[in-house]
């Protein structure tokens, strides 16, 4: 099944040598965990506030299972 994992980083901290491991380390660990060959795409989004977002689109190898939605019982439950 295709999934998306979003990481938020501070591009100000990540630009410094010490902050690089703190900010980008979890992303690298996640890529090692799921395997590079399972990554379909990586999108990077930056903002004007110095925050960056990494959207990692990957396949987890599990069959598709639709999300269950709770059945509504009516207006008052």
PDB file of N, CA and C in Angstrom:
ATOM      1  N   UNK A   1       0.840  -1.154   0.000  1.00  0.00           N
ATOM      2  CA  UNK A   1       0.000   0.000   0.000  1.00  0.00           C
ATOM      3  C   UNK A   1       0.900   1.237   0.000  1.00  0.00           C
ATOM      4  N   UNK A   2       0.517   2.244  -0.729  1.00  0.00           N
ATOM      5  CA  UNK A   2       1.269   3.491  -0.806  1.00  0.00           C
ATOM      6  C   UNK A   2       0.913   4.347   0.412  1.00  0.00           C
ATOM      7  N   UNK A   3       1.938   4.877   1.068  1.00  0.00           N
ATOM      8  CA  UNK A   3       1.741   5.725   2.238  1.00  0.00           C
ATOM      9  C   UNK A   3       2.593   6.977   2.101  1.00  0.00           C
ATOM     10  N   UNK A   4       2.277   7.979   2.914  1.00  0.00           N
ATOM     11  CA  UNK A   4       3.034   9.227   2.938  1.00  0.00           C
ATOM     12  C   UNK A   4       3.476   9.499   4.359  1.00  0.00           C
ATOM     13  N   UNK A   5       4.733   9.840   4.521  1.00  0.00           N
ATOM     14  CA  UNK A   5       5.282  10.246   5.814  1.00  0.00           C
ATOM     15  C   UNK A   5       5.797  11.666   5.649  1.00  0.00           C
ATOM     16  N   UNK A   6       5.396  12.566   6.544  1.00  0.00           N
ATOM     17  CA  UNK A   6       5.797  13.966   6.455  1.00  0.00           C
ATOM     18  C   UNK A   6       6.726  14.299   7.616  1.00  0.00           C
ATOM     19  N   UNK A   7       7.854  14.906   7.291  1.00  0.00           N
ATOM     20  CA  UNK A   7       8.803  15.367   8.291  1.00  0.00           C
ATOM     21  C   UNK A   7       8.865  16.887   8.230  1.00  0.00           C
ATOM     22  N   UNK A   8       8.918  17.518   9.378  1.00  0.00           N
ATOM     23  CA  UNK A   8       9.053  18.958   9.471  1.00  0.00           C
ATOM     24  C   UNK A   8      10.450  19.282   9.980  1.00  0.00           C
ATOM     25  N   UNK A   9      11.122  20.188   9.288  1.00  0.00           N
ATOM     26  CA  UNK A   9      12.459  20.569   9.728  1.00  0.00           C
ATOM     27  C   UNK A   9      12.559  22.089   9.780  1.00  0.00           C
ATOM     28  N   UNK A  10      13.482  22.565  10.575  1.00  0.00           N
ATOM     29  CA  UNK A  10      13.808  23.980  10.603  1.00  0.00           C
ATOM     30  C   UNK A  10      14.992  24.172   9.667  1.00  0.00           C
ATOM     31  N   UNK A  11      14.774  24.868   8.575  1.00  0.00           N
ATOM     32  CA  UNK A  11      15.859  25.020   7.603  1.00  0.00           C
ATOM     33  C   UNK A  11      16.978  25.896   8.151  1.00  0.00           C
ATOM     34  N   UNK A  12      16.685  26.713   9.139  1.00  0.00           N
ATOM     35  CA  UNK A  12      17.731  27.535   9.750  1.00  0.00           C
ATOM     36  C   UNK A  12      18.683  26.649  10.556  1.00  0.00           C
ATOM     37  N   UNK A  13      18.120  25.728  11.356  1.00  0.00           N
ATOM     38  CA  UNK A  13      18.945  24.830  12.164  1.00  0.00           C
ATOM     39  C   UNK A  13      19.655  23.819  11.271  1.00  0.00           C
ATOM     40  N   UNK A  14      18.977  23.306  10.263  1.00  0.00           N
ATOM     41  CA  UNK A  14      19.556  22.282   9.389  1.00  0.00           C
ATOM     42  C   UNK A  14      20.719  22.818   8.568  1.00  0.00           C
ATOM     43  N   UNK A  15      20.782  24.135   8.383  1.00  0.00           N
ATOM     44  CA  UNK A  15      21.876  24.694   7.590  1.00  0.00           C
ATOM     45  C   UNK A  15      23.186  24.739   8.376  1.00  0.00           C
ATOM     46  N   UNK A  16      23.116  24.569   9.679  1.00  0.00           N
ATOM     47  CA  UNK A  16      24.323  24.557  10.506  1.00  0.00           C
ATOM     48  C   UNK A  16      24.822  23.120  10.635  1.00  0.00           C
ATOM     49  N   UNK A  17      26.122  22.960  10.764  1.00  0.00           N
ATOM     50  CA  UNK A  17      26.708  21.616  10.800  1.00  0.00           C
ATOM     51  C   UNK A  17      26.192  20.803  11.979  1.00  0.00           C
ATOM     52  N   UNK A  18      26.026  21.416  13.133  1.00  0.00           N
ATOM     53  CA  UNK A  18      25.563  20.688  14.316  1.00  0.00           C
ATOM     54  C   UNK A  18      24.086  20.321  14.182  1.00  0.00           C
ATOM     55  N   UNK A  19      23.278  21.209  13.636  1.00  0.00           N
ATOM     56  CA  UNK A  19      21.843  20.969  13.510  1.00  0.00           C
ATOM     57  C   UNK A  19      21.464  20.005  12.413  1.00  0.00           C
ATOM     58  N   UNK A  20      22.386  19.731  11.504  1.00  0.00           N
ATOM     59  CA  UNK A  20      22.072  18.841  10.380  1.00  0.00           C
ATOM     60  C   UNK A  20      21.690  17.447  10.860  1.00  0.00           C
ATOM     61  N   UNK A  21      22.428  16.907  11.817  1.00  0.00           N
ATOM     62  CA  UNK A  21      22.117  15.572  12.324  1.00  0.00           C
ATOM     63  C   UNK A  21      20.789  15.560  13.065  1.00  0.00           C
ATOM     64  N   UNK A  22      20.502  16.607  13.803  1.00  0.00           N
ATOM     65  CA  UNK A  22      19.243  16.682  14.553  1.00  0.00           C
ATOM     66  C   UNK A  22      18.040  16.737  13.630  1.00  0.00           C
ATOM     67  N   UNK A  23      18.128  17.540  12.588  1.00  0.00           N
ATOM     68  CA  UNK A  23      16.988  17.760  11.705  1.00  0.00           C
ATOM     69  C   UNK A  23      16.844  16.680  10.633  1.00  0.00           C
ATOM     70  N   UNK A  24      17.963  16.294  10.018  1.00  0.00           N
ATOM     71  CA  UNK A  24      17.893  15.349   8.899  1.00  0.00           C
ATOM     72  C   UNK A  24      18.104  13.901   9.321  1.00  0.00           C
ATOM     73  N   UNK A  25      18.612  13.675  10.516  1.00  0.00           N
ATOM     74  CA  UNK A  25      18.842  12.321  11.010  1.00  0.00           C
ATOM     75  C   UNK A  25      17.603  11.444  11.006  1.00  0.00           C
ATOM     76  N   UNK A  26      16.455  11.929  11.531  1.00  0.00           N
ATOM     77  CA  UNK A  26      15.249  11.100  11.516  1.00  0.00           C
ATOM     78  C   UNK A  26      14.780  10.737  10.100  1.00  0.00           C
ATOM     79  N   UNK A  27      15.002  11.629   9.147  1.00  0.00           N
ATOM     80  CA  UNK A  27      14.619  11.335   7.761  1.00  0.00           C
ATOM     81  C   UNK A  27      15.495  10.211   7.210  1.00  0.00           C
ATOM     82  N   UNK A  28      16.788  10.302   7.458  1.00  0.00           N
ATOM     83  CA  UNK A  28      17.701   9.263   6.992  1.00  0.00           C
ATOM     84  C   UNK A  28      17.407   7.931   7.667  1.00  0.00           C
ATOM     85  N   UNK A  29      17.090   7.952   8.958  1.00  0.00           N
ATOM     86  CA  UNK A  29      16.743   6.719   9.678  1.00  0.00           C
ATOM     87  C   UNK A  29      15.489   6.083   9.096  1.00  0.00           C
ATOM     88  N   UNK A  30      14.491   6.902   8.763  1.00  0.00           N
ATOM     89  CA  UNK A  30      13.248   6.388   8.188  1.00  0.00           C
ATOM     90  C   UNK A  30      13.507   5.747   6.831  1.00  0.00           C
ATOM     91  N   UNK A  31      14.343   6.387   6.007  1.00  0.00           N
ATOM     92  CA  UNK A  31      14.657   5.837   4.688  1.00  0.00           C
ATOM     93  C   UNK A  31      15.375   4.500   4.829  1.00  0.00           C
ATOM     94  N   UNK A  32      16.283   4.383   5.799  1.00  0.00           N
ATOM     95  CA  UNK A  32      16.964   3.108   6.026  1.00  0.00           C
ATOM     96  C   UNK A  32      15.981   2.042   6.511  1.00  0.00           C
ATOM     97  N   UNK A  33      15.009   2.454   7.321  1.00  0.00           N
ATOM     98  CA  UNK A  33      14.039   1.505   7.874  1.00  0.00           C
ATOM     99  C   UNK A  33      13.141   0.919   6.792  1.00  0.00           C
ATOM    100  N   UNK A  34      12.627   1.763   5.896  1.00  0.00           N
ATOM    101  CA  UNK A  34      11.698   1.244   4.883  1.00  0.00           C
ATOM    102  C   UNK A  34      12.418   0.734   3.640  1.00  0.00           C
ATOM    103  N   UNK A  35      13.663   1.124   3.451  1.00  0.00           N
ATOM    104  CA  UNK A  35      14.424   0.694   2.282  1.00  0.00           C
ATOM    105  C   UNK A  35      14.283   1.674   1.130  1.00  0.00           C
ATOM    106  N   UNK A  36      15.409   2.068   0.593  1.00  0.00           N
ATOM    107  CA  UNK A  36      15.418   3.067  -0.480  1.00  0.00           C
ATOM    108  C   UNK A  36      14.607   2.615  -1.697  1.00  0.00           C
ATOM    109  N   UNK A  37      14.619   1.318  -1.971  1.00  0.00           N
ATOM    110  CA  UNK A  37      13.911   0.805  -3.157  1.00  0.00           C
ATOM    111  C   UNK A  37      12.396   0.932  -3.032  1.00  0.00           C
ATOM    112  N   UNK A  38      11.867   1.128  -1.817  1.00  0.00           N
ATOM    113  CA  UNK A  38      10.423   1.263  -1.616  1.00  0.00           C
ATOM    114  C   UNK A  38       9.937   2.701  -1.721  1.00  0.00           C
ATOM    115  N   UNK A  39      10.847   3.652  -1.855  1.00  0.00           N
ATOM    116  CA  UNK A  39      10.461   5.058  -1.971  1.00  0.00           C
ATOM    117  C   UNK A  39      10.023   5.334  -3.402  1.00  0.00           C
ATOM    118  N   UNK A  40       8.841   5.908  -3.529  1.00  0.00           N
ATOM    119  CA  UNK A  40       8.304   6.253  -4.846  1.00  0.00           C
ATOM    120  C   UNK A  40       8.639   7.684  -5.228  1.00  0.00           C
ATOM    121  N   UNK A  41       8.629   8.597  -4.228  1.00  0.00           N
ATOM    122  CA  UNK A  41       8.886   9.996  -4.516  1.00  0.00           C
ATOM    123  C   UNK A  41       9.196  10.733  -3.216  1.00  0.00           C
ATOM    124  N   UNK A  42       9.961  11.792  -3.314  1.00  0.00           N
ATOM    125  CA  UNK A  42      10.208  12.675  -2.185  1.00  0.00           C
ATOM    126  C   UNK A  42       9.932  14.094  -2.655  1.00  0.00           C
ATOM    127  N   UNK A  43       9.022  14.764  -1.970  1.00  0.00           N
ATOM    128  CA  UNK A  43       8.685  16.150  -2.289  1.00  0.00           C
ATOM    129  C   UNK A  43       9.188  17.024  -1.155  1.00  0.00           C
ATOM    130  N   UNK A  44       9.765  18.140  -1.487  1.00  0.00           N
ATOM    131  CA  UNK A  44      10.270  19.073  -0.493  1.00  0.00           C
ATOM    132  C   UNK A  44       9.505  20.379  -0.655  1.00  0.00           C
ATOM    133  N   UNK A  45       8.979  20.875   0.452  1.00  0.00           N
ATOM    134  CA  UNK A  45       8.221  22.113   0.448  1.00  0.00           C
ATOM    135  C   UNK A  45       8.849  23.060   1.460  1.00  0.00           C
ATOM    136  N   UNK A  46       9.106  24.277   1.034  1.00  0.00           N
ATOM    137  CA  UNK A  46       9.659  25.259   1.962  1.00  0.00           C
ATOM    138  C   UNK A  46       8.644  26.378   2.171  1.00  0.00           C
ATOM    139  N   UNK A  47       8.793  27.049   3.289  1.00  0.00           N
ATOM    140  CA  UNK A  47       7.916  28.172   3.603  1.00  0.00           C
ATOM    141  C   UNK A  47       8.765  29.409   3.834  1.00  0.00           C
ATOM    142  N   UNK A  48       8.121  30.532   3.941  1.00  0.00           N
ATOM    143  CA  UNK A  48       8.850  31.782   4.179  1.00  0.00           C
ATOM    144  C   UNK A  48       9.241  31.935   5.645  1.00  0.00           C
ATOM    145  N   UNK A  49       8.762  31.061   6.520  1.00  0.00           N
ATOM    146  CA  UNK A  49       9.067  31.167   7.946  1.00  0.00           C
ATOM    147  C   UNK A  49      10.285  30.352   8.355  1.00  0.00           C
ATOM    148  N   UNK A  50      10.957  29.711   7.423  1.00  0.00           N
ATOM    149  CA  UNK A  50      12.145  28.928   7.746  1.00  0.00           C
ATOM    150  C   UNK A  50      11.858  27.485   8.094  1.00  0.00           C
ATOM    151  N   UNK A  51      10.630  27.055   7.864  1.00  0.00           N
ATOM    152  CA  UNK A  51      10.243  25.668   8.111  1.00  0.00           C
ATOM    153  C   UNK A  51      10.178  24.933   6.781  1.00  0.00           C
ATOM    154  N   UNK A  52      10.686  23.725   6.759  1.00  0.00           N
ATOM    155  CA  UNK A  52      10.627  22.913   5.556  1.00  0.00           C
ATOM    156  C   UNK A  52       9.894  21.612   5.825  1.00  0.00           C
ATOM    157  N   UNK A  53       9.275  21.068   4.798  1.00  0.00           N
ATOM    158  CA  UNK A  53       8.540  19.817   4.915  1.00  0.00           C
ATOM    159  C   UNK A  53       9.065  18.832   3.874  1.00  0.00           C
ATOM    160  N   UNK A  54       9.368  17.631   4.318  1.00  0.00           N
ATOM    161  CA  UNK A  54       9.739  16.534   3.433  1.00  0.00           C
ATOM    162  C   UNK A  54       8.575  15.559   3.396  1.00  0.00           C
ATOM    163  N   UNK A  55       7.986  15.357   2.219  1.00  0.00           N
ATOM    164  CA  UNK A  55       6.911  14.388   2.033  1.00  0.00           C
ATOM    165  C   UNK A  55       7.530  13.169   1.356  1.00  0.00           C
ATOM    166  N   UNK A  56       7.585  12.065   2.073  1.00  0.00           N
ATOM    167  CA  UNK A  56       8.154  10.838   1.517  1.00  0.00           C
ATOM    168  C   UNK A  56       7.003   9.891   1.177  1.00  0.00           C
ATOM    169  N   UNK A  57       6.868   9.594  -0.096  1.00  0.00           N
ATOM    170  CA  UNK A  57       5.822   8.702  -0.583  1.00  0.00           C
ATOM    171  C   UNK A  57       6.478   7.345  -0.807  1.00  0.00           C
ATOM    172  N   UNK A  58       5.960   6.329  -0.102  1.00  0.00           N
ATOM    173  CA  UNK A  58       6.624   5.030  -0.132  1.00  0.00           C
ATOM    174  C   UNK A  58       5.596   3.907  -0.142  1.00  0.00           C
ATOM    175  N   UNK A  59       6.072   2.726  -0.482  1.00  0.00           N
ATOM    176  CA  UNK A  59       5.232   1.526  -0.478  1.00  0.00           C
ATOM    177  C   UNK A  59       5.679   0.643   0.680  1.00  0.00           C
ATOM    178  N   UNK A  60       4.717   0.241   1.524  1.00  0.00           N
ATOM    179  CA  UNK A  60       5.071  -0.555   2.705  1.00  0.00           C
ATOM    180  C   UNK A  60       4.993  -2.058   2.465  1.00  0.00           C
ATOM    181  N   UNK A  61       4.555  -2.490   1.282  1.00  0.00           N
ATOM    182  CA  UNK A  61       4.521  -3.908   0.957  1.00  0.00           C
ATOM    183  C   UNK A  61       3.309  -4.653   1.486  1.00  0.00           C
ATOM    184  N   UNK A  62       2.430  -3.979   2.182  1.00  0.00           N
ATOM    185  CA  UNK A  62       1.222  -4.611   2.710  1.00  0.00           C
ATOM    186  C   UNK A  62       0.072  -4.429   1.731  1.00  0.00           C
ATOM    187  N   UNK A  63      -0.896  -5.336   1.736  1.00  0.00           N
ATOM    188  CA  UNK A  63      -2.044  -5.173   0.844  1.00  0.00           C
ATOM    189  C   UNK A  63      -2.894  -3.979   1.276  1.00  0.00           C
ATOM    190  N   UNK A  64      -3.642  -3.452   0.330  1.00  0.00           N
ATOM    191  CA  UNK A  64      -4.501  -2.299   0.609  1.00  0.00           C
ATOM    192  C   UNK A  64      -5.603  -2.677   1.591  1.00  0.00           C
ATOM    193  N   UNK A  65      -5.747  -1.898   2.611  1.00  0.00           N
ATOM    194  CA  UNK A  65      -6.842  -2.081   3.563  1.00  0.00           C
ATOM    195  C   UNK A  65      -7.526  -0.735   3.741  1.00  0.00           C
ATOM    196  N   UNK A  66      -8.787  -0.648   3.350  1.00  0.00           N
ATOM    197  CA  UNK A  66      -9.473   0.639   3.471  1.00  0.00           C
ATOM    198  C   UNK A  66      -9.648   1.032   4.934  1.00  0.00           C
ATOM    199  N   UNK A  67      -9.631   2.314   5.171  1.00  0.00           N
ATOM    200  CA  UNK A  67      -9.840   2.809   6.525  1.00  0.00           C
ATOM    201  C   UNK A  67     -11.280   2.580   6.923  1.00  0.00           C
ATOM    202  N   UNK A  68     -11.463   2.201   8.162  1.00  0.00           N
ATOM    203  CA  UNK A  68     -12.822   2.009   8.644  1.00  0.00           C
ATOM    204  C   UNK A  68     -13.358   3.330   9.172  1.00  0.00           C
ATOM    205  N   UNK A  69     -14.579   3.606   8.815  1.00  0.00           N
ATOM    206  CA  UNK A  69     -15.222   4.814   9.320  1.00  0.00           C
ATOM    207  C   UNK A  69     -16.319   4.380  10.279  1.00  0.00           C
ATOM    208  N   UNK A  70     -16.408   5.025  11.426  1.00  0.00           N
ATOM    209  CA  UNK A  70     -17.433   4.628  12.376  1.00  0.00           C
ATOM    210  C   UNK A  70     -18.826   4.890  11.834  1.00  0.00           C
ATOM    211  N   UNK A  71     -19.717   3.974  12.136  1.00  0.00           N
ATOM    212  CA  UNK A  71     -21.106   4.115  11.711  1.00  0.00           C
ATOM    213  C   UNK A  71     -21.793   5.157  12.594  1.00  0.00           C
ATOM    214  N   UNK A  72     -22.456   6.090  11.978  1.00  0.00           N
ATOM    215  CA  UNK A  72     -23.169   7.108  12.742  1.00  0.00           C
ATOM    216  C   UNK A  72     -24.472   6.505  13.249  1.00  0.00           C
ATOM    217  N   UNK A  73     -24.737   6.769  14.518  1.00  0.00           N
ATOM    218  CA  UNK A  73     -25.941   6.216  15.134  1.00  0.00           C
ATOM    219  C   UNK A  73     -27.094   7.196  15.128  1.00  0.00           C
ATOM    220  N   UNK A  74     -26.881   8.349  14.632  1.00  0.00           N
ATOM    221  CA  UNK A  74     -27.944   9.349  14.624  1.00  0.00           C
ATOM    222  C   UNK A  74     -27.452  10.642  15.248  1.00  0.00           C
ATOM    223  N   UNK A  75     -28.328  11.565  15.378  1.00  0.00           N
ATOM    224  CA  UNK A  75     -27.954  12.887  15.856  1.00  0.00           C
ATOM    225  C   UNK A  75     -27.450  12.863  17.297  1.00  0.00           C
ATOM    226  N   UNK A  76     -28.051  12.040  18.149  1.00  0.00           N
ATOM    227  CA  UNK A  76     -27.684  12.047  19.562  1.00  0.00           C
ATOM    228  C   UNK A  76     -26.966  10.773  19.986  1.00  0.00           C
ATOM    229  N   UNK A  77     -26.447  10.027  19.052  1.00  0.00           N
ATOM    230  CA  UNK A  77     -25.578   8.929  19.357  1.00  0.00           C
ATOM    231  C   UNK A  77     -26.179   7.623  19.641  1.00  0.00           C
TER     232      UNK A  77
END
